[in-house]
Amino acid sequence: AVEKKASDVYGIFNMELNNVFKEFNHHRKNPPIGPQFPKYAGAALWAKGLQKRLQYQMDLLNSTYYLKSCREHEDAQTQVYNISSSMDEYIKKNYQDWTLTIDENYIGKLEKNLLIQVAGGYLEMNFDK
């Protein structure tokens, strides 16, 4: 009886794995991030959220000793590892793509004051001028 229910639980988990994997593959080129997020960091945050979603559920399954003896447990762990590795590669690639967009003269920009005082005692933004 326990083996049957364990098999059912892992069946539900496999459906969730497939849903997350499909969502990841469908949106990986254009992730669904809000306008408040930067392009590269937002994409990495989105992928990390999917990764944590899977890991949380896998941790719950790992915490139940009676489900670990099920034959589907090893398969689920392998699938989570593979999907998570794919997401890690995506995050690393996004980071590498972002580093290519950084201006080579960033040191000079870091030394500039962000605000300057203009005529009349007002402050003005001096960013990228």
C-alpha atoms as a PDB file:
ATOM      1  CA  ALA A   1       0.000   0.000   0.000  1.00  0.00           C
ATOM      2  CA  VAL A   2       2.813   2.411   0.882  1.00  0.00           C
ATOM      3  CA  GLU A   3       4.688   1.537  -2.322  1.00  0.00           C
ATOM      4  CA  LYS A   4       1.588   2.321  -4.398  1.00  0.00           C
ATOM      5  CA  LYS A   5       1.071   5.695  -2.741  1.00  0.00           C
ATOM      6  CA  ALA A   6       4.793   6.464  -2.957  1.00  0.00           C
ATOM      7  CA  SER A   7       4.635   5.710  -6.663  1.00  0.00           C
ATOM      8  CA  ASP A   8       1.655   8.081  -6.957  1.00  0.00           C
ATOM      9  CA  VAL A   9       3.538  10.833  -5.085  1.00  0.00           C
ATOM     10  CA  TYR A  10       6.532  10.484  -7.371  1.00  0.00           C
ATOM     11  CA  GLY A  11       4.214  10.515 -10.362  1.00  0.00           C
ATOM     12  CA  ILE A  12       2.874  13.890  -9.223  1.00  0.00           C
ATOM     13  CA  PHE A  13       6.420  15.101  -8.612  1.00  0.00           C
ATOM     14  CA  ASN A  14       7.473  13.981 -12.102  1.00  0.00           C
ATOM     15  CA  MET A  15       4.612  16.013 -13.575  1.00  0.00           C
ATOM     16  CA  GLU A  16       5.897  19.037 -11.647  1.00  0.00           C
ATOM     17  CA  LEU A  17       9.431  18.344 -12.887  1.00  0.00           C
ATOM     18  CA  ASN A  18       8.192  18.247 -16.455  1.00  0.00           C
ATOM     19  CA  ASN A  19       6.201  21.460 -15.989  1.00  0.00           C
ATOM     20  CA  VAL A  20       9.215  23.315 -14.600  1.00  0.00           C
ATOM     21  CA  PHE A  21      11.469  21.957 -17.340  1.00  0.00           C
ATOM     22  CA  LYS A  22       8.986  22.962 -20.054  1.00  0.00           C
ATOM     23  CA  GLU A  23       8.599  26.441 -18.536  1.00  0.00           C
ATOM     24  CA  PHE A  24      12.372  26.827 -18.344  1.00  0.00           C
ATOM     25  CA  ASN A  25      12.912  25.760 -21.965  1.00  0.00           C
ATOM     26  CA  HIS A  26       9.981  27.799 -23.265  1.00  0.00           C
ATOM     27  CA  HIS A  27      11.060  31.050 -21.584  1.00  0.00           C
ATOM     28  CA  ARG A  28      14.830  30.677 -21.483  1.00  0.00           C
ATOM     29  CA  LYS A  29      15.391  33.082 -24.402  1.00  0.00           C
ATOM     30  CA  ASN A  30      12.905  35.642 -23.074  1.00  0.00           C
ATOM     31  CA  PRO A  31      12.286  35.035 -19.347  1.00  0.00           C
ATOM     32  CA  PRO A  32       9.103  36.409 -17.776  1.00  0.00           C
ATOM     33  CA  ILE A  33      10.647  39.095 -15.569  1.00  0.00           C
ATOM     34  CA  GLY A  34       9.145  42.361 -14.485  1.00  0.00           C
ATOM     35  CA  PRO A  35      10.321  45.728 -15.821  1.00  0.00           C
ATOM     36  CA  GLN A  36      11.909  46.501 -12.438  1.00  0.00           C
ATOM     37  CA  PHE A  37      14.536  43.774 -12.945  1.00  0.00           C
ATOM     38  CA  PRO A  38      17.709  44.199 -14.987  1.00  0.00           C
ATOM     39  CA  LYS A  39      17.822  41.950 -18.059  1.00  0.00           C
ATOM     40  CA  TYR A  40      20.625  39.578 -17.052  1.00  0.00           C
ATOM     41  CA  ALA A  41      20.169  39.566 -13.285  1.00  0.00           C
ATOM     42  CA  GLY A  42      16.410  39.185 -13.674  1.00  0.00           C
ATOM     43  CA  ALA A  43      16.851  36.186 -15.954  1.00  0.00           C
ATOM     44  CA  ALA A  44      19.230  34.589 -13.470  1.00  0.00           C
ATOM     45  CA  LEU A  45      16.825  35.291 -10.624  1.00  0.00           C
ATOM     46  CA  TRP A  46      13.970  33.713 -12.586  1.00  0.00           C
ATOM     47  CA  ALA A  47      16.015  30.559 -13.246  1.00  0.00           C
ATOM     48  CA  LYS A  48      17.124  30.425  -9.612  1.00  0.00           C
ATOM     49  CA  GLY A  49      13.477  30.638  -8.528  1.00  0.00           C
ATOM     50  CA  LEU A  50      12.585  27.646 -10.687  1.00  0.00           C
ATOM     51  CA  GLN A  51      15.582  25.807  -9.305  1.00  0.00           C
ATOM     52  CA  LYS A  52      14.575  26.523  -5.702  1.00  0.00           C
ATOM     53  CA  ARG A  53      11.018  25.443  -6.471  1.00  0.00           C
ATOM     54  CA  LEU A  54      12.267  22.010  -7.503  1.00  0.00           C
ATOM     55  CA  GLN A  55      14.806  21.749  -4.716  1.00  0.00           C
ATOM     56  CA  TYR A  56      12.238  22.586  -2.033  1.00  0.00           C
ATOM     57  CA  GLN A  57       9.955  19.818  -3.235  1.00  0.00           C
ATOM     58  CA  MET A  58      12.855  17.362  -3.495  1.00  0.00           C
ATOM     59  CA  ASP A  59      13.913  18.241   0.045  1.00  0.00           C
ATOM     60  CA  LEU A  60      10.395  17.451   1.233  1.00  0.00           C
ATOM     61  CA  LEU A  61      10.513  14.081  -0.486  1.00  0.00           C
ATOM     62  CA  ASN A  62      13.964  13.411   0.989  1.00  0.00           C
ATOM     63  CA  SER A  63      12.691  14.161   4.486  1.00  0.00           C
ATOM     64  CA  THR A  64      10.204  11.282   4.345  1.00  0.00           C
ATOM     65  CA  TYR A  65      12.075   8.071   5.131  1.00  0.00           C
ATOM     66  CA  TYR A  66       9.291   5.836   3.837  1.00  0.00           C
ATOM     67  CA  LEU A  67       9.422   7.368   0.347  1.00  0.00           C
ATOM     68  CA  LYS A  68      13.189   6.987  -0.076  1.00  0.00           C
ATOM     69  CA  SER A  69      12.927   3.230  -0.465  1.00  0.00           C
ATOM     70  CA  CYS A  70      10.749   3.671  -3.552  1.00  0.00           C
ATOM     71  CA  ARG A  71      12.481   2.934  -6.859  1.00  0.00           C
ATOM     72  CA  GLU A  72      11.302   6.245  -8.314  1.00  0.00           C
ATOM     73  CA  HIS A  73      13.280   8.175  -5.690  1.00  0.00           C
ATOM     74  CA  GLU A  74      16.635   7.729  -7.441  1.00  0.00           C
ATOM     75  CA  ASP A  75      15.125   8.652 -10.804  1.00  0.00           C
ATOM     76  CA  ALA A  76      13.623  11.820  -9.348  1.00  0.00           C
ATOM     77  CA  GLN A  77      16.919  12.829  -7.742  1.00  0.00           C
ATOM     78  CA  THR A  78      18.751  12.290 -11.025  1.00  0.00           C
ATOM     79  CA  GLN A  79      16.202  14.358 -12.951  1.00  0.00           C
ATOM     80  CA  VAL A  80      16.330  17.190 -10.392  1.00  0.00           C
ATOM     81  CA  TYR A  81      20.123  17.173 -10.574  1.00  0.00           C
ATOM     82  CA  ASN A  82      20.107  17.290 -14.390  1.00  0.00           C
ATOM     83  CA  ILE A  83      17.537  20.083 -14.593  1.00  0.00           C
ATOM     84  CA  SER A  84      19.283  22.032 -11.838  1.00  0.00           C
ATOM     85  CA  SER A  85      22.626  21.678 -13.647  1.00  0.00           C
ATOM     86  CA  SER A  86      21.023  22.984 -16.829  1.00  0.00           C
ATOM     87  CA  MET A  87      19.727  26.010 -14.925  1.00  0.00           C
ATOM     88  CA  ASP A  88      23.159  26.602 -13.368  1.00  0.00           C
ATOM     89  CA  GLU A  89      24.703  26.611 -16.845  1.00  0.00           C
ATOM     90  CA  TYR A  90      22.048  29.096 -17.993  1.00  0.00           C
ATOM     91  CA  ILE A  91      22.848  31.387 -15.049  1.00  0.00           C
ATOM     92  CA  LYS A  92      26.590  31.194 -15.748  1.00  0.00           C
ATOM     93  CA  LYS A  93      26.035  31.912 -19.442  1.00  0.00           C
ATOM     94  CA  ASN A  94      23.905  34.943 -18.543  1.00  0.00           C
ATOM     95  CA  TYR A  95      26.701  36.202 -16.310  1.00  0.00           C
ATOM     96  CA  GLN A  96      29.244  35.757 -19.094  1.00  0.00           C
ATOM     97  CA  ASP A  97      26.956  37.556 -21.548  1.00  0.00           C
ATOM     98  CA  TRP A  98      26.544  40.404 -19.068  1.00  0.00           C
ATOM     99  CA  THR A  99      30.297  40.781 -18.563  1.00  0.00           C
ATOM    100  CA  LEU A 100      30.678  41.253 -22.320  1.00  0.00           C
ATOM    101  CA  THR A 101      28.356  44.273 -22.190  1.00  0.00           C
ATOM    102  CA  ILE A 102      30.421  46.109 -19.554  1.00  0.00           C
ATOM    103  CA  ASP A 103      32.190  49.187 -20.862  1.00  0.00           C
ATOM    104  CA  GLU A 104      35.968  48.784 -20.841  1.00  0.00           C
ATOM    105  CA  ASN A 105      36.349  52.205 -19.236  1.00  0.00           C
ATOM    106  CA  TYR A 106      34.407  51.295 -16.101  1.00  0.00           C
ATOM    107  CA  ILE A 107      37.255  52.259 -13.730  1.00  0.00           C
ATOM    108  CA  GLY A 108      37.117  55.851 -14.898  1.00  0.00           C
ATOM    109  CA  LYS A 109      33.371  55.926 -14.420  1.00  0.00           C
ATOM    110  CA  LEU A 110      33.703  54.581 -10.874  1.00  0.00           C
ATOM    111  CA  GLU A 111      35.947  57.505  -9.967  1.00  0.00           C
ATOM    112  CA  LYS A 112      33.422  60.161 -11.079  1.00  0.00           C
ATOM    113  CA  ASN A 113      31.049  61.781  -8.611  1.00  0.00           C
ATOM    114  CA  LEU A 114      27.452  60.691  -9.147  1.00  0.00           C
ATOM    115  CA  LEU A 115      26.075  64.101  -8.160  1.00  0.00           C
ATOM    116  CA  ILE A 116      27.524  67.513  -8.955  1.00  0.00           C
ATOM    117  CA  GLN A 117      26.549  70.948  -7.726  1.00  0.00           C
ATOM    118  CA  VAL A 118      25.391  73.286 -10.474  1.00  0.00           C
ATOM    119  CA  ALA A 119      24.602  76.991 -10.568  1.00  0.00           C
ATOM    120  CA  GLY A 120      22.112  78.015  -7.932  1.00  0.00           C
ATOM    121  CA  GLY A 121      23.313  75.350  -5.475  1.00  0.00           C
ATOM    122  CA  TYR A 122      21.220  72.588  -7.013  1.00  0.00           C
ATOM    123  CA  LEU A 123      22.432  69.010  -7.390  1.00  0.00           C
ATOM    124  CA  GLU A 124      22.477  67.365 -10.757  1.00  0.00           C
ATOM    125  CA  MET A 125      23.007  63.766 -11.704  1.00  0.00           C
ATOM    126  CA  ASN A 126      26.419  63.164 -13.247  1.00  0.00           C
ATOM    127  CA  PHE A 127      25.851  59.558 -14.253  1.00  0.00           C
ATOM    128  CA  ASP A 128      27.195  58.583 -17.704  1.00  0.00           C
ATOM    129  CA  LYS A 129      27.956  62.146 -18.762  1.00  0.00           C
END
